[in-house]
C-alpha cells in the first residue's frame, strides 16, 4: 500500500528557513505525498520562495490568506489536505530523508491511527540529541498514550513529529491562540485514535530561533497553563483514571511559569505568586506517586516545594553554567 500523505506547512515570515524545510521534504524516500503550504500573510520573501518551489514540483500546493495566526493557517491546511494521513511540519524545522517512509512503515506494522517519533533540537549551531524512551516501540491504548504526553520522557503534544489519520480531525479545529495550540487538540486526537505507536528514533529536527512565535511570545503568558488546565478537564471527563498523571503534569506547568521569573532575575508579583500557588497546591503527591516521572523530576518538585531559596539558587546556577 502507498497511501497519500499530506504534509502540512503553515508559514509566516520564514524566508530564511523554509527553503531548507522544503528541500528536506522533497528529498523523502517515500514519494506519495502532497505538500500543502498556507502562507499566513508573510511580509518577507516567504511567499516568493514558496511560489518558486511550487512551480518546480506539482506535489506542492500553495495557498495564501491574510495574517490570522498559526491556528488559522493549520486549520486552512487541513481543509485543503486530501491524504489519508497528515504530517505537520513547522517551516523553520526540517526532517530526515526517511521521515515519511519510517512513519508509514510503522503504521503498516501496527495499524495505529497515530505514529509519533522523537526529535532533536537545534539551538543556533548546537544540536541537542534527545533520549525519550518511555512508552516506546509498542502499540499504546488511549490511556497509555495520554499517560505518555504527561510524563516528560516520551513523545510530546506537538503536532509535528507525528503521522495522524486525517479523519481524526473531523469536528476538531485549532483554537485562536498564538502558543500551545497543539495541546488543546492533542488530547482529543489521542482519545479518538485506534492505537498510538511511538518510535523513539529522532527523525525530526526542531529549531529554536529568535523571531519564532514561541520565542516572541510574552514569557509570562499563561496560555500554556490554561492549555494544561483544559487538558486536565478533558482527561477528568473522558479518562478519569488518568487524572493523577494530568495533575502531575499541571504541577510542572506551574514550575515552568515560576522559572521564567527566576531565570530572568525578575521579582514575582504577589498576584503571580498566588496564581502559581493555586496551580501547584495539593499536587506534589501526584508527582511523587507517578511511576512515569523520573527521579530527577521528582527531586526538582520536592526542592521547589520545600525550599524556594535553594531551588532558586540551583536554577540560576544551571542557567549560568
Protein backbone atom coordinates (compact mmCIF):
# COMPACT_ATOMS: atom_id res chain seq x y z
CA UNK A 1 0.00 0.00 0.00
CA UNK A 2 1.13 3.54 -0.74
CA UNK A 3 -1.26 5.92 1.00
CA UNK A 4 -1.21 9.60 0.16
CA UNK A 5 0.32 11.68 2.96
CA UNK A 6 -0.50 15.38 3.21
CA UNK A 7 2.49 17.30 4.56
CA UNK A 8 1.13 20.49 6.12
CA UNK A 9 3.15 23.70 6.47
CA UNK A 10 1.64 26.86 7.97
CA UNK A 11 4.16 29.57 7.01
CA UNK A 12 4.71 33.08 8.31
CA UNK A 13 7.90 35.11 7.76
CA UNK A 14 10.26 32.15 7.50
CA UNK A 15 12.15 33.14 4.34
CA UNK A 16 15.49 32.25 5.95
CA UNK A 17 14.42 28.68 6.72
CA UNK A 18 11.57 27.46 4.52
CA UNK A 19 13.86 26.50 1.64
CA UNK A 20 15.77 24.15 3.96
CA UNK A 21 12.47 22.70 5.17
CA UNK A 22 11.10 22.15 1.67
CA UNK A 23 14.37 20.64 0.45
CA UNK A 24 14.20 18.11 3.29
CA UNK A 25 10.63 17.21 2.28
CA UNK A 26 11.42 16.90 -1.43
CA UNK A 27 14.30 14.53 -0.61
CA UNK A 28 11.96 11.99 1.04
CA UNK A 29 12.41 8.36 0.08
CA UNK A 30 8.62 7.97 0.31
CA UNK A 31 7.16 9.58 -2.80
CA UNK A 32 3.36 9.50 -2.48
CA UNK A 33 2.78 12.78 -0.70
CA UNK A 34 1.48 16.26 -1.28
CA UNK A 35 2.72 19.44 0.39
CA UNK A 36 0.11 21.95 1.50
CA UNK A 37 1.58 25.37 2.30
CA UNK A 38 -0.60 28.11 3.73
CA UNK A 39 1.18 31.45 3.63
CA UNK A 40 -0.24 33.36 6.59
CA UNK A 41 0.22 36.90 5.27
CA UNK A 42 4.02 36.89 5.35
CA UNK A 43 5.73 40.26 4.89
CA UNK A 44 9.14 38.89 3.88
CA UNK A 45 10.09 36.67 0.91
CA UNK A 46 8.33 33.55 2.20
CA UNK A 47 5.58 33.69 -0.46
CA UNK A 48 8.03 34.21 -3.34
CA UNK A 49 10.20 31.30 -2.20
CA UNK A 50 7.17 29.02 -1.91
CA UNK A 51 5.97 30.07 -5.37
CA UNK A 52 9.35 29.08 -6.82
CA UNK A 53 9.17 25.64 -5.24
CA UNK A 54 5.54 25.15 -6.30
CA UNK A 55 6.45 25.90 -9.91
CA UNK A 56 9.14 23.20 -9.82
CA UNK A 57 7.14 20.40 -8.16
CA UNK A 58 3.46 19.68 -8.80
CA UNK A 59 3.10 18.00 -5.41
CA UNK A 60 3.37 21.41 -3.72
CA UNK A 61 0.08 23.28 -3.38
CA UNK A 62 0.34 26.87 -2.20
CA UNK A 63 -2.43 28.90 -0.61
CA UNK A 64 -2.39 32.38 0.92
CA UNK A 65 -4.50 34.14 3.50
CA UNK A 66 -4.39 37.40 5.40
CA UNK A 67 -2.40 37.07 8.59
CA UNK A 68 -4.61 35.27 11.09
CA UNK A 69 -2.14 33.25 13.18
CA UNK A 70 -0.76 29.74 13.18
CA UNK A 71 -4.00 28.10 14.33
CA UNK A 72 -5.94 29.56 11.44
CA UNK A 73 -3.19 28.55 9.00
CA UNK A 74 -3.21 24.99 10.34
CA UNK A 75 -6.97 24.78 10.03
CA UNK A 76 -6.66 26.03 6.44
CA UNK A 77 -4.05 23.34 5.75
CA UNK A 78 -6.43 20.65 7.00
CA UNK A 79 -9.24 21.93 4.77
CA UNK A 80 -7.01 21.56 1.70
CA UNK A 81 -5.49 18.19 2.62
CA UNK A 82 -6.53 15.12 0.63
CA UNK A 83 -4.24 12.48 2.14
CA UNK A 84 -5.32 9.56 4.26
CA UNK A 85 -2.70 10.73 6.75
CA UNK A 86 -1.34 14.19 7.60
CA UNK A 87 2.09 15.20 8.84
CA UNK A 88 2.53 18.73 10.20
CA UNK A 89 5.98 20.26 9.80
CA UNK A 90 6.85 23.72 11.08
CA UNK A 91 8.52 25.59 8.20
CA UNK A 92 11.59 26.55 10.21
CA UNK A 93 12.26 22.89 11.06
CA UNK A 94 13.39 20.03 8.83
CA UNK A 95 13.21 16.25 8.62
CA UNK A 96 15.44 13.33 7.69
CA UNK A 97 15.05 11.80 4.23
CA UNK A 98 13.41 8.66 5.66
CA UNK A 99 10.94 10.57 7.83
CA UNK A 100 7.73 9.76 5.97
CA UNK A 101 8.83 6.25 4.99
CA UNK A 102 9.68 5.32 8.57
CA UNK A 103 6.38 6.66 9.90
CA UNK A 104 4.26 4.94 7.28
CA UNK A 105 6.18 1.68 7.77
CA UNK A 106 5.33 1.84 11.47
CA UNK A 107 1.69 2.48 10.57
CA UNK A 108 1.59 -0.56 8.29
CA UNK A 109 3.20 -2.65 11.03
CA UNK A 110 0.82 -1.60 13.80
CA UNK A 111 -2.31 -0.20 12.05
CA UNK A 112 -2.20 2.66 14.57
CA UNK A 113 -4.05 5.88 13.79
CA UNK A 114 -1.20 7.99 15.18
CA UNK A 115 2.51 7.33 14.78
CA UNK A 116 4.86 9.55 16.80
CA UNK A 117 8.64 9.78 16.64
CA UNK A 118 11.31 11.52 18.65
CA UNK A 119 13.07 14.73 17.65
CA UNK A 120 16.34 16.57 18.06
CA UNK A 121 16.62 20.23 18.98
CA UNK A 122 18.80 22.72 17.13
CA UNK A 123 19.63 25.89 19.05
CA UNK A 124 21.80 28.07 16.85
CA UNK A 125 24.72 25.94 15.71
CA UNK A 126 24.30 23.47 18.59
CA UNK A 127 22.39 20.23 18.13
CA UNK A 128 20.88 18.60 21.20
CA UNK A 129 20.11 14.91 20.89
CA UNK A 130 17.10 13.57 22.71
CA UNK A 131 16.62 10.44 24.77
CA UNK A 132 12.95 9.79 25.39
CA UNK A 133 12.10 6.12 25.57
CA UNK A 134 9.06 5.68 27.80
CA UNK A 135 6.03 4.11 26.13
CA UNK A 136 8.08 3.37 23.01
CA UNK A 137 8.03 0.53 20.49
CA UNK A 138 4.63 -0.82 21.43
CA UNK A 139 1.04 -0.20 20.43
CA UNK A 140 -0.50 2.10 23.03
CA UNK A 141 -4.07 2.25 24.25
CA UNK A 142 -5.75 5.64 24.57
CA UNK A 143 -5.00 5.72 28.32
CA UNK A 144 -1.34 4.80 27.79
CA UNK A 145 -0.95 7.49 25.13
CA UNK A 146 -2.40 10.10 27.48
CA UNK A 147 -0.02 8.97 30.20
CA UNK A 148 2.86 9.33 27.74
CA UNK A 149 2.23 13.02 27.00
CA UNK A 150 2.09 13.72 30.73
CA UNK A 151 5.40 12.10 31.70
CA UNK A 152 8.15 14.25 30.03
CA UNK A 153 10.15 11.21 28.84
CA UNK A 154 8.04 10.16 25.86
CA UNK A 155 6.51 11.86 22.83
CA UNK A 156 5.08 15.35 23.20
CA UNK A 157 1.79 17.11 22.49
CA UNK A 158 3.22 18.90 19.44
CA UNK A 159 1.50 18.25 16.12
CA UNK A 160 4.84 17.84 14.38
CA UNK A 161 6.88 14.61 14.59
CA UNK A 162 3.66 12.66 14.04
CA UNK A 163 1.73 10.91 11.31
CA UNK A 164 -2.00 11.28 12.01
CA UNK A 165 -5.01 9.77 10.29
CA UNK A 166 -6.75 12.77 8.77
CA UNK A 167 -10.28 11.73 9.76
CA UNK A 168 -9.35 12.13 13.43
CA UNK A 169 -9.57 15.89 12.84
CA UNK A 170 -13.25 15.65 11.84
CA UNK A 171 -15.07 18.02 14.19
CA UNK A 172 -11.79 19.42 15.56
CA UNK A 173 -10.02 22.71 14.91
CA UNK A 174 -7.11 24.57 16.42
CA UNK A 175 -8.20 27.39 18.76
CA UNK A 176 -7.25 31.01 18.16
CA UNK A 177 -4.19 31.22 20.41
CA UNK A 178 -0.58 32.06 19.50
CA UNK A 179 1.05 29.37 21.60
CA UNK A 180 0.18 25.89 22.93
CA UNK A 181 -2.47 25.41 20.25
CA UNK A 182 -1.26 21.82 19.81
CA UNK A 183 -2.07 20.98 23.41
CA UNK A 184 -5.72 21.96 23.04
CA UNK A 185 -6.12 19.40 20.24
CA UNK A 186 -3.68 16.60 21.06
CA UNK A 187 -5.63 15.07 23.96
CA UNK A 188 -8.74 14.63 21.88
CA UNK A 189 -6.79 13.15 18.98
CA UNK A 190 -5.16 10.60 21.29
CA UNK A 191 -8.54 9.82 22.82
CA UNK A 192 -10.14 9.20 19.40
CA UNK A 193 -7.28 7.21 17.91
CA UNK A 194 -7.49 3.47 17.37
CA UNK A 195 -3.98 2.76 18.50
CA UNK A 196 -0.96 5.04 19.03
CA UNK A 197 2.62 3.99 18.38
CA UNK A 198 5.77 5.82 19.48
CA UNK A 199 9.09 5.12 17.78
CA UNK A 200 11.91 6.79 19.76
CA UNK A 201 14.05 7.50 16.70
CA UNK A 202 14.80 11.20 16.20
CA UNK A 203 13.60 11.80 12.64
CA UNK A 204 12.59 15.45 13.08
CA UNK A 205 14.72 18.48 13.93
CA UNK A 206 13.06 21.28 15.89
CA UNK A 207 14.80 24.61 15.51
CA UNK A 208 14.83 27.11 18.39
CA UNK A 209 15.21 30.56 16.87
CA UNK A 210 14.61 34.18 17.67
CA UNK A 211 11.64 35.55 15.80
CA UNK A 212 9.52 32.42 16.04
CA UNK A 213 6.07 32.67 17.59
CA UNK A 214 7.16 30.61 20.59
CA UNK A 215 10.24 32.74 21.21
CA UNK A 216 8.47 36.07 20.67
CA UNK A 217 5.54 35.33 22.93
CA UNK A 218 5.48 37.09 26.29
CA UNK A 219 7.43 34.76 28.56
CA UNK A 220 4.87 35.38 31.28
CA UNK A 221 1.92 34.32 29.19
CA UNK A 222 -0.41 31.96 31.00
CA UNK A 223 -1.66 30.33 27.79
CA UNK A 224 0.37 27.09 28.25
CA UNK A 225 -1.03 26.73 31.78
CA UNK A 226 -4.56 27.37 30.56
CA UNK A 227 -3.99 24.72 27.88
CA UNK A 228 -2.77 22.27 30.52
CA UNK A 229 -5.79 23.02 32.70
CA UNK A 230 -8.02 22.31 29.69
CA UNK A 231 -6.11 19.07 29.20
CA UNK A 232 -6.81 18.12 32.82
CA UNK A 233 -10.51 18.90 32.41
CA UNK A 234 -10.72 16.78 29.25
CA UNK A 235 -8.99 13.85 30.92
CA UNK A 236 -11.18 14.15 34.02
CA UNK A 237 -14.28 13.97 31.83
CA UNK A 238 -13.21 11.24 29.41
CA UNK A 239 -10.38 9.29 31.07
CA UNK A 240 -10.79 9.88 34.83
CA UNK A 241 -8.31 7.14 35.76
CA UNK A 242 -5.55 9.19 34.10
CA UNK A 243 -6.33 12.34 36.13
CA UNK A 244 -3.48 11.85 38.66
CA UNK A 245 -0.95 11.86 35.79
CA UNK A 246 -2.51 15.04 34.41
CA UNK A 247 -2.28 16.70 37.84
CA UNK A 248 1.43 15.87 37.98
CA UNK A 249 1.95 17.49 34.59
CA UNK A 250 0.00 20.58 35.69
CA UNK A 251 2.28 20.88 38.74
CA UNK A 252 5.28 21.24 36.42
CA UNK A 253 3.43 23.77 34.28
CA UNK A 254 3.28 25.95 37.38
CA UNK A 255 7.00 25.39 37.99
CA UNK A 256 7.83 26.41 34.41
CA UNK A 257 5.88 29.62 34.83
CA UNK A 258 7.74 30.31 38.09
CA UNK A 259 11.11 29.52 36.49
CA UNK A 260 10.71 32.26 33.88
CA UNK A 261 10.81 34.89 36.62
CA UNK A 262 13.82 33.41 38.41
CA UNK A 263 15.91 32.77 35.29
CA UNK A 264 15.36 36.35 34.14
CA UNK A 265 16.12 37.78 37.62
CA UNK A 266 12.67 39.30 37.97
CA UNK A 267 10.68 39.73 41.14
CA UNK A 268 7.48 37.73 41.19
CA UNK A 269 4.40 39.92 41.81
CA UNK A 270 2.22 38.81 44.72
CA UNK A 271 -0.69 38.13 42.36
CA UNK A 272 1.53 35.77 40.35
CA UNK A 273 2.77 34.04 43.48
CA UNK A 274 -0.84 33.31 44.40
CA UNK A 275 -1.55 32.12 40.85
CA UNK A 276 1.40 29.68 40.96
CA UNK A 277 0.44 28.53 44.45
CA UNK A 278 -3.08 27.72 43.28
CA UNK A 279 -1.71 25.75 40.33
CA UNK A 280 0.66 23.54 42.33
CA UNK A 281 -1.30 23.30 45.59
CA UNK A 282 -2.08 19.72 46.57
CA UNK A 283 -0.43 18.20 43.51
CA UNK A 284 3.04 17.24 44.79
CA UNK A 285 1.68 13.89 45.94
CA UNK A 286 0.68 13.05 42.37
CA UNK A 287 4.20 13.81 41.17
CA UNK A 288 5.81 11.61 43.81
CA UNK A 289 3.41 8.71 43.17
CA UNK A 290 3.70 8.89 39.39
CA UNK A 291 5.67 5.85 38.12
CA UNK A 292 6.24 7.55 34.75
CA UNK A 293 8.09 10.59 36.10
CA UNK A 294 11.85 10.36 36.51
CA UNK A 295 13.63 10.61 39.85
CA UNK A 296 15.32 13.85 38.79
CA UNK A 297 11.94 15.47 38.05
CA UNK A 298 10.62 14.30 41.42
CA UNK A 299 13.68 15.80 43.16
CA UNK A 300 13.01 19.07 41.33
CA UNK A 301 9.42 19.06 42.56
CA UNK A 302 10.48 18.33 46.14
CA UNK A 303 13.10 21.07 46.19
CA UNK A 304 10.62 23.56 44.75
CA UNK A 305 8.07 22.65 47.44
CA UNK A 306 10.44 22.52 50.42
CA UNK A 307 12.92 25.36 49.85
CA UNK A 308 12.37 28.11 47.28
CA UNK A 309 15.71 29.83 48.12
CA UNK A 310 17.66 26.63 47.46
CA UNK A 311 15.60 25.91 44.37
CA UNK A 312 16.23 29.42 43.03
CA UNK A 313 19.96 29.11 43.62
CA UNK A 314 20.20 25.78 41.82
CA UNK A 315 18.08 27.05 38.92
CA UNK A 316 20.26 30.14 38.47
CA UNK A 317 23.44 28.09 38.55
CA UNK A 318 22.06 25.73 35.95
CA UNK A 319 21.25 28.59 33.59
CA UNK A 320 24.57 30.40 34.01
CA UNK A 321 26.83 27.37 33.59
